[in-house]
């Protein structure tokens, strides 16, 4: 999906890229909430994770709002706005992907350690 997103950007298909990027960010937020957040029990860690997710939810809202607003702009102005929106979207996708991947590695390690203790 990310490769398709980058291809759309590089070929100048900015509207398509925004659609793909929004879908990726939506899916990453769902994984973060359903898989990562549900397994964090320490209050301080949970608060930190919620803060990270809140940041990316705001980015998602900004991109959706900008995507809607850009539809009423003349093409001359909309291209610059779309490029800026894609920068925000790319940054958020990369940041959230790193967060989710890191959290899943830690969760997998904790689960594996707990399983080893139960067996041994």
C-alpha atoms as a PDB file:
ATOM      1  CA  UNK A   1       0.000   0.000   0.000  1.00  0.00           C
ATOM      2  CA  UNK A   2       2.852   2.376   0.879  1.00  0.00           C
ATOM      3  CA  UNK A   3       4.548   1.647  -2.445  1.00  0.00           C
ATOM      4  CA  UNK A   4       1.308   2.474  -4.266  1.00  0.00           C
ATOM      5  CA  UNK A   5       1.099   5.690  -2.241  1.00  0.00           C
ATOM      6  CA  UNK A   6       4.648   6.731  -3.184  1.00  0.00           C
ATOM      7  CA  UNK A   7       4.037   5.843  -6.830  1.00  0.00           C
ATOM      8  CA  UNK A   8       0.927   8.042  -6.893  1.00  0.00           C
ATOM      9  CA  UNK A   9       2.890  10.939  -5.397  1.00  0.00           C
ATOM     10  CA  UNK A  10       5.824  10.568  -7.776  1.00  0.00           C
ATOM     11  CA  UNK A  11       3.527  10.386 -10.804  1.00  0.00           C
ATOM     12  CA  UNK A  12       1.664  13.526  -9.736  1.00  0.00           C
ATOM     13  CA  UNK A  13      -1.603  11.773  -8.890  1.00  0.00           C
ATOM     14  CA  UNK A  14      -2.039  13.817  -5.735  1.00  0.00           C
ATOM     15  CA  UNK A  15      -5.742  13.114  -5.190  1.00  0.00           C
ATOM     16  CA  UNK A  16      -5.151   9.372  -5.500  1.00  0.00           C
ATOM     17  CA  UNK A  17      -2.168   9.616  -3.159  1.00  0.00           C
ATOM     18  CA  UNK A  18      -4.275  11.437  -0.564  1.00  0.00           C
ATOM     19  CA  UNK A  19      -6.931   8.733  -0.758  1.00  0.00           C
ATOM     20  CA  UNK A  20      -4.394   5.952  -0.318  1.00  0.00           C
ATOM     21  CA  UNK A  21      -2.620   7.843   2.464  1.00  0.00           C
ATOM     22  CA  UNK A  22      -5.861   8.470   4.339  1.00  0.00           C
ATOM     23  CA  UNK A  23      -6.713   4.801   4.103  1.00  0.00           C
ATOM     24  CA  UNK A  24      -3.270   3.798   5.425  1.00  0.00           C
ATOM     25  CA  UNK A  25      -3.447   6.241   8.318  1.00  0.00           C
ATOM     26  CA  UNK A  26      -6.958   5.036   9.182  1.00  0.00           C
ATOM     27  CA  UNK A  27      -5.787   1.415   9.215  1.00  0.00           C
ATOM     28  CA  UNK A  28      -2.692   2.204  11.269  1.00  0.00           C
ATOM     29  CA  UNK A  29      -4.816   4.036  13.840  1.00  0.00           C
ATOM     30  CA  UNK A  30      -7.171   1.064  14.022  1.00  0.00           C
ATOM     31  CA  UNK A  31      -4.274  -1.344  14.615  1.00  0.00           C
ATOM     32  CA  UNK A  32      -2.806   1.006  17.205  1.00  0.00           C
ATOM     33  CA  UNK A  33      -6.093   1.231  19.095  1.00  0.00           C
ATOM     34  CA  UNK A  34      -7.270  -2.362  18.732  1.00  0.00           C
ATOM     35  CA  UNK A  35      -3.975  -4.212  19.067  1.00  0.00           C
ATOM     36  CA  UNK A  36      -1.521  -1.973  20.881  1.00  0.00           C
ATOM     37  CA  UNK A  37      -3.580   0.234  23.174  1.00  0.00           C
ATOM     38  CA  UNK A  38      -5.704  -2.628  24.455  1.00  0.00           C
ATOM     39  CA  UNK A  39      -2.559  -4.371  25.752  1.00  0.00           C
ATOM     40  CA  UNK A  40      -1.036  -1.401  27.569  1.00  0.00           C
ATOM     41  CA  UNK A  41      -1.954  -1.565  31.229  1.00  0.00           C
ATOM     42  CA  UNK A  42       0.547   0.759  32.890  1.00  0.00           C
ATOM     43  CA  UNK A  43      -1.146   4.170  33.335  1.00  0.00           C
ATOM     44  CA  UNK A  44       1.915   6.242  32.359  1.00  0.00           C
ATOM     45  CA  UNK A  45       2.596   4.134  29.254  1.00  0.00           C
ATOM     46  CA  UNK A  46      -1.081   4.207  28.304  1.00  0.00           C
ATOM     47  CA  UNK A  47      -1.165   8.001  28.666  1.00  0.00           C
ATOM     48  CA  UNK A  48       1.923   8.319  26.449  1.00  0.00           C
ATOM     49  CA  UNK A  49       0.394   6.034  23.828  1.00  0.00           C
ATOM     50  CA  UNK A  50      -2.869   7.987  23.907  1.00  0.00           C
ATOM     51  CA  UNK A  51      -0.904  11.189  23.371  1.00  0.00           C
ATOM     52  CA  UNK A  52       0.832   9.705  20.319  1.00  0.00           C
ATOM     53  CA  UNK A  53      -2.468   8.470  18.899  1.00  0.00           C
ATOM     54  CA  UNK A  54      -4.139  11.807  19.565  1.00  0.00           C
ATOM     55  CA  UNK A  55      -1.429  13.568  17.564  1.00  0.00           C
ATOM     56  CA  UNK A  56      -2.010  11.290  14.575  1.00  0.00           C
ATOM     57  CA  UNK A  57      -5.798  11.563  14.870  1.00  0.00           C
ATOM     58  CA  UNK A  58      -5.440  15.352  14.648  1.00  0.00           C
ATOM     59  CA  UNK A  59      -3.237  14.945  11.572  1.00  0.00           C
ATOM     60  CA  UNK A  60      -5.894  12.698  10.036  1.00  0.00           C
ATOM     61  CA  UNK A  61      -8.605  15.285  10.763  1.00  0.00           C
ATOM     62  CA  UNK A  62      -6.457  18.037   9.269  1.00  0.00           C
ATOM     63  CA  UNK A  63      -5.856  16.036   6.089  1.00  0.00           C
ATOM     64  CA  UNK A  64      -9.555  15.187   5.722  1.00  0.00           C
ATOM     65  CA  UNK A  65     -10.525  18.827   6.213  1.00  0.00           C
ATOM     66  CA  UNK A  66      -7.896  20.050   3.793  1.00  0.00           C
ATOM     67  CA  UNK A  67      -8.918  17.449   1.229  1.00  0.00           C
ATOM     68  CA  UNK A  68     -12.491  18.687   1.435  1.00  0.00           C
ATOM     69  CA  UNK A  69     -11.489  22.359   1.267  1.00  0.00           C
ATOM     70  CA  UNK A  70      -9.123  21.905  -1.658  1.00  0.00           C
ATOM     71  CA  UNK A  71     -12.019  20.773  -3.839  1.00  0.00           C
ATOM     72  CA  UNK A  72     -13.282  24.347  -4.016  1.00  0.00           C
ATOM     73  CA  UNK A  73      -9.899  25.894  -4.865  1.00  0.00           C
ATOM     74  CA  UNK A  74      -8.740  26.687  -8.385  1.00  0.00           C
ATOM     75  CA  UNK A  75      -6.223  24.085  -9.639  1.00  0.00           C
ATOM     76  CA  UNK A  76      -3.393  26.639  -9.543  1.00  0.00           C
ATOM     77  CA  UNK A  77      -3.714  26.910  -5.754  1.00  0.00           C
ATOM     78  CA  UNK A  78      -4.857  23.399  -4.991  1.00  0.00           C
ATOM     79  CA  UNK A  79      -1.622  21.741  -6.131  1.00  0.00           C
ATOM     80  CA  UNK A  80       0.454  23.554  -3.504  1.00  0.00           C
ATOM     81  CA  UNK A  81      -2.071  22.774  -0.793  1.00  0.00           C
ATOM     82  CA  UNK A  82      -2.210  19.109  -1.805  1.00  0.00           C
ATOM     83  CA  UNK A  83       1.585  18.866  -1.692  1.00  0.00           C
ATOM     84  CA  UNK A  84       1.643  20.338   1.824  1.00  0.00           C
ATOM     85  CA  UNK A  85      -1.152  17.992   2.918  1.00  0.00           C
ATOM     86  CA  UNK A  86       0.788  15.029   1.552  1.00  0.00           C
ATOM     87  CA  UNK A  87       3.848  16.095   3.565  1.00  0.00           C
ATOM     88  CA  UNK A  88       1.758  16.031   6.755  1.00  0.00           C
ATOM     89  CA  UNK A  89       0.209  12.732   5.748  1.00  0.00           C
ATOM     90  CA  UNK A  90       3.556  11.110   4.922  1.00  0.00           C
ATOM     91  CA  UNK A  91       5.076  12.258   8.196  1.00  0.00           C
ATOM     92  CA  UNK A  92       2.132  10.937  10.178  1.00  0.00           C
ATOM     93  CA  UNK A  93       2.071   7.598   8.343  1.00  0.00           C
ATOM     94  CA  UNK A  94       5.794   7.076   8.934  1.00  0.00           C
ATOM     95  CA  UNK A  95       5.606   8.116  12.580  1.00  0.00           C
ATOM     96  CA  UNK A  96       2.578   5.995  13.379  1.00  0.00           C
ATOM     97  CA  UNK A  97       3.965   2.986  11.526  1.00  0.00           C
ATOM     98  CA  UNK A  98       7.157   3.209  13.592  1.00  0.00           C
ATOM     99  CA  UNK A  99       5.146   3.536  16.790  1.00  0.00           C
ATOM    100  CA  UNK A 100       2.937   0.528  15.985  1.00  0.00           C
ATOM    101  CA  UNK A 101       5.859  -1.618  14.846  1.00  0.00           C
ATOM    102  CA  UNK A 102       7.897  -0.789  17.946  1.00  0.00           C
ATOM    103  CA  UNK A 103       4.959  -1.435  20.244  1.00  0.00           C
ATOM    104  CA  UNK A 104       4.198  -4.771  18.584  1.00  0.00           C
ATOM    105  CA  UNK A 105       7.820  -5.873  18.997  1.00  0.00           C
ATOM    106  CA  UNK A 106       7.675  -5.043  22.715  1.00  0.00           C
ATOM    107  CA  UNK A 107       4.308  -6.787  23.122  1.00  0.00           C
ATOM    108  CA  UNK A 108       5.606  -9.881  21.313  1.00  0.00           C
ATOM    109  CA  UNK A 109       8.652  -9.942  23.595  1.00  0.00           C
ATOM    110  CA  UNK A 110       6.519  -9.662  26.729  1.00  0.00           C
ATOM    111  CA  UNK A 111       4.153 -12.398  25.557  1.00  0.00           C
ATOM    112  CA  UNK A 112       7.083 -14.668  24.646  1.00  0.00           C
ATOM    113  CA  UNK A 113       8.745 -14.087  28.030  1.00  0.00           C
ATOM    114  CA  UNK A 114       5.498 -14.800  29.845  1.00  0.00           C
ATOM    115  CA  UNK A 115       4.975 -17.996  27.815  1.00  0.00           C
ATOM    116  CA  UNK A 116       8.507 -19.159  28.591  1.00  0.00           C
ATOM    117  CA  UNK A 117       7.973 -18.626  32.325  1.00  0.00           C
ATOM    118  CA  UNK A 118       4.691 -20.563  32.225  1.00  0.00           C
ATOM    119  CA  UNK A 119       6.298 -23.511  30.440  1.00  0.00           C
ATOM    120  CA  UNK A 120       9.524 -23.543  32.498  1.00  0.00           C
END
